Amino acid sequence: MASSEDVKSLFPAMVKRFNPEKAEGITANIQFDLAGDNGGLFWLKIADGAVDHGAGAIDNPAMTVKASADDWHAVATGQMNAMQAFMTGKLKVLGDMSLAMRLQTMFAQ
C-alpha cells in the first residue's frame, strides 16, 4: 500500500516527466480525486507548454480522474497499465476523453 507521502510525491514526479512537445495546444485543468486514507484531491494545470501541480480542488477541470490512491500510485509508477485499469473500472475518467488519451504521452515513464 502506498503511503500518503508516496501519493503526494506522484505529482511533482509527473511535472518532471512532462514532455511539452506532446502538450502543444493544450490548456486544461485536470482534477485527481483519489479515494482512501492515503488519498485526497490533487490537480495538474497544463498551459503554454508547461505544467503545474497542487493539492485540493481546481476550478473548471476539463477532466477528472477517479481512482483509489493505491491504484493511481500503481498506474503512475508503471506497476499497472492505465488502459487496463480503465477497462476494469479501477480508474474512471470524467470529462475530456481525448485529453485522457494524450496524458500517457505527455507524462511518459
C-alpha atoms as a PDB file:
ATOM      1  CA  MET A   1       0.000   0.000   0.000  1.00  0.00           C
ATOM      2  CA  ALA A   2       1.288   3.447  -0.944  1.00  0.00           C
ATOM      3  CA  SER A   3       1.678   5.936   1.885  1.00  0.00           C
ATOM      4  CA  SER A   4       0.145   9.399   1.798  1.00  0.00           C
ATOM      5  CA  GLU A   5       3.619  10.807   1.079  1.00  0.00           C
ATOM      6  CA  ASP A   6       4.086   8.323  -1.789  1.00  0.00           C
ATOM      7  CA  VAL A   7       0.832   9.532  -3.343  1.00  0.00           C
ATOM      8  CA  LYS A   8       1.658  13.226  -2.858  1.00  0.00           C
ATOM      9  CA  SER A   9       5.069  12.720  -4.464  1.00  0.00           C
ATOM     10  CA  LEU A  10       3.496  11.421  -7.698  1.00  0.00           C
ATOM     11  CA  PHE A  11       2.513  14.886  -8.891  1.00  0.00           C
ATOM     12  CA  PRO A  12       5.934  16.602  -8.678  1.00  0.00           C
ATOM     13  CA  ALA A  13       7.342  13.479 -10.366  1.00  0.00           C
ATOM     14  CA  MET A  14       4.798  13.873 -13.179  1.00  0.00           C
ATOM     15  CA  VAL A  15       5.873  17.505 -13.614  1.00  0.00           C
ATOM     16  CA  LYS A  16       9.485  16.344 -14.028  1.00  0.00           C
ATOM     17  CA  ARG A  17       8.453  13.770 -16.674  1.00  0.00           C
ATOM     18  CA  PHE A  18       6.278  16.265 -18.580  1.00  0.00           C
ATOM     19  CA  ASN A  19       7.004  16.479 -22.313  1.00  0.00           C
ATOM     20  CA  PRO A  20       5.877  19.939 -23.507  1.00  0.00           C
ATOM     21  CA  GLU A  21       6.065  18.915 -27.175  1.00  0.00           C
ATOM     22  CA  LYS A  22       3.290  16.370 -26.576  1.00  0.00           C
ATOM     23  CA  ALA A  23       1.110  19.032 -24.910  1.00  0.00           C
ATOM     24  CA  GLU A  24       1.190  21.510 -27.773  1.00  0.00           C
ATOM     25  CA  GLY A  25      -2.100  23.397 -27.995  1.00  0.00           C
ATOM     26  CA  ILE A  26      -3.449  22.040 -24.697  1.00  0.00           C
ATOM     27  CA  THR A  27      -4.758  24.292 -21.966  1.00  0.00           C
ATOM     28  CA  ALA A  28      -6.504  22.203 -19.327  1.00  0.00           C
ATOM     29  CA  ASN A  29      -7.093  21.746 -15.640  1.00  0.00           C
ATOM     30  CA  ILE A  30      -7.084  18.120 -14.503  1.00  0.00           C
ATOM     31  CA  GLN A  31      -8.550  17.040 -11.173  1.00  0.00           C
ATOM     32  CA  PHE A  32      -7.482  13.834  -9.417  1.00  0.00           C
ATOM     33  CA  ASP A  33      -9.976  12.502  -6.869  1.00  0.00           C
ATOM     34  CA  LEU A  34      -8.149   9.726  -5.057  1.00  0.00           C
ATOM     35  CA  ALA A  35     -10.043   7.632  -2.517  1.00  0.00           C
ATOM     36  CA  GLY A  36      -8.765   6.001   0.639  1.00  0.00           C
ATOM     37  CA  ASP A  37      -6.879   7.020   3.754  1.00  0.00           C
ATOM     38  CA  ASN A  38      -3.838   7.954   1.655  1.00  0.00           C
ATOM     39  CA  GLY A  39      -5.862   9.816  -1.000  1.00  0.00           C
ATOM     40  CA  GLY A  40      -7.245  13.286  -1.473  1.00  0.00           C
ATOM     41  CA  LEU A  41      -7.776  15.888  -4.166  1.00  0.00           C
ATOM     42  CA  PHE A  42      -4.859  16.869  -6.392  1.00  0.00           C
ATOM     43  CA  TRP A  43      -4.585  18.789  -9.649  1.00  0.00           C
ATOM     44  CA  LEU A  44      -2.450  19.447 -12.692  1.00  0.00           C
ATOM     45  CA  LYS A  45      -2.725  22.604 -14.781  1.00  0.00           C
ATOM     46  CA  ILE A  46      -1.384  22.431 -18.337  1.00  0.00           C
ATOM     47  CA  ALA A  47      -0.966  25.697 -20.239  1.00  0.00           C
ATOM     48  CA  ASP A  48       1.524  27.274 -22.633  1.00  0.00           C
ATOM     49  CA  GLY A  49       3.714  24.160 -22.793  1.00  0.00           C
ATOM     50  CA  ALA A  50       4.145  23.991 -19.020  1.00  0.00           C
ATOM     51  CA  VAL A  51       2.543  22.099 -16.159  1.00  0.00           C
ATOM     52  CA  ASP A  52       1.942  22.989 -12.533  1.00  0.00           C
ATOM     53  CA  HIS A  53       0.585  20.826  -9.710  1.00  0.00           C
ATOM     54  CA  GLY A  54      -1.083  21.216  -6.356  1.00  0.00           C
ATOM     55  CA  ALA A  55      -3.423  19.758  -3.787  1.00  0.00           C
ATOM     56  CA  GLY A  56      -7.117  20.495  -3.323  1.00  0.00           C
ATOM     57  CA  ALA A  57      -9.849  21.299  -5.795  1.00  0.00           C
ATOM     58  CA  ILE A  58      -9.224  23.174  -9.047  1.00  0.00           C
ATOM     59  CA  ASP A  59     -11.738  25.352 -10.888  1.00  0.00           C
ATOM     60  CA  ASN A  60     -13.267  24.130 -14.141  1.00  0.00           C
ATOM     61  CA  PRO A  61     -11.461  20.811 -14.648  1.00  0.00           C
ATOM     62  CA  ALA A  62     -11.532  19.601 -18.249  1.00  0.00           C
ATOM     63  CA  MET A  63     -11.139  16.104 -16.883  1.00  0.00           C
ATOM     64  CA  THR A  64     -11.416  14.352 -13.518  1.00  0.00           C
ATOM     65  CA  VAL A  65      -9.574  11.115 -12.766  1.00  0.00           C
ATOM     66  CA  LYS A  66     -11.165   8.991 -10.027  1.00  0.00           C
ATOM     67  CA  ALA A  67      -9.370   6.025  -8.508  1.00  0.00           C
ATOM     68  CA  SER A  68      -8.179   4.685  -5.197  1.00  0.00           C
ATOM     69  CA  ALA A  69      -4.903   6.273  -4.181  1.00  0.00           C
ATOM     70  CA  ASP A  70      -3.239   2.856  -4.329  1.00  0.00           C
ATOM     71  CA  ASP A  71      -4.481   2.162  -7.866  1.00  0.00           C
ATOM     72  CA  TRP A  72      -3.407   5.625  -9.086  1.00  0.00           C
ATOM     73  CA  HIS A  73       0.007   5.106  -7.480  1.00  0.00           C
ATOM     74  CA  ALA A  74       0.322   1.800  -9.352  1.00  0.00           C
ATOM     75  CA  VAL A  75      -0.668   3.449 -12.667  1.00  0.00           C
ATOM     76  CA  ALA A  76       1.575   6.494 -12.198  1.00  0.00           C
ATOM     77  CA  THR A  77       4.602   4.367 -11.304  1.00  0.00           C
ATOM     78  CA  GLY A  78       4.122   1.913 -14.177  1.00  0.00           C
ATOM     79  CA  GLN A  79       3.109  -1.025 -11.994  1.00  0.00           C
ATOM     80  CA  MET A  80      -0.373  -1.093 -13.565  1.00  0.00           C
ATOM     81  CA  ASN A  81      -1.339  -0.379 -17.159  1.00  0.00           C
ATOM     82  CA  ALA A  82      -3.589   2.695 -17.359  1.00  0.00           C
ATOM     83  CA  MET A  83      -5.808   1.266 -20.103  1.00  0.00           C
ATOM     84  CA  GLN A  84      -6.258  -1.987 -18.193  1.00  0.00           C
ATOM     85  CA  ALA A  85      -7.098  -0.026 -15.020  1.00  0.00           C
ATOM     86  CA  PHE A  86      -9.692   1.967 -17.004  1.00  0.00           C
ATOM     87  CA  MET A  87     -11.216  -1.110 -18.638  1.00  0.00           C
ATOM     88  CA  THR A  88     -11.558  -2.921 -15.291  1.00  0.00           C
ATOM     89  CA  GLY A  89     -13.126   0.092 -13.573  1.00  0.00           C
ATOM     90  CA  LYS A  90     -10.200   0.795 -11.252  1.00  0.00           C
ATOM     91  CA  LEU A  91      -9.692   4.139 -12.983  1.00  0.00           C
ATOM     92  CA  LYS A  92     -12.588   6.359 -14.024  1.00  0.00           C
ATOM     93  CA  VAL A  93     -12.323   9.406 -16.253  1.00  0.00           C
ATOM     94  CA  LEU A  94     -14.980  12.090 -16.299  1.00  0.00           C
ATOM     95  CA  GLY A  95     -14.854  14.774 -18.969  1.00  0.00           C
ATOM     96  CA  ASP A  96     -12.486  15.111 -21.932  1.00  0.00           C
ATOM     97  CA  MET A  97     -11.593  11.567 -23.024  1.00  0.00           C
ATOM     98  CA  SER A  98      -9.264  12.793 -25.787  1.00  0.00           C
ATOM     99  CA  LEU A  99      -7.236  14.589 -23.119  1.00  0.00           C
ATOM    100  CA  ALA A 100      -7.140  11.366 -21.099  1.00  0.00           C
ATOM    101  CA  MET A 101      -5.699   9.511 -24.094  1.00  0.00           C
ATOM    102  CA  ARG A 102      -2.958  12.140 -24.512  1.00  0.00           C
ATOM    103  CA  LEU A 103      -1.946  12.068 -20.838  1.00  0.00           C
ATOM    104  CA  GLN A 104       0.151   8.936 -21.268  1.00  0.00           C
ATOM    105  CA  THR A 105       2.296  10.547 -23.935  1.00  0.00           C
ATOM    106  CA  MET A 106       2.617  13.868 -22.079  1.00  0.00           C
ATOM    107  CA  PHE A 107       3.844  12.165 -18.910  1.00  0.00           C
ATOM    108  CA  ALA A 108       5.757   9.197 -20.331  1.00  0.00           C
ATOM    109  CA  GLN A 109       7.528   6.923 -17.845  1.00  0.00           C
END
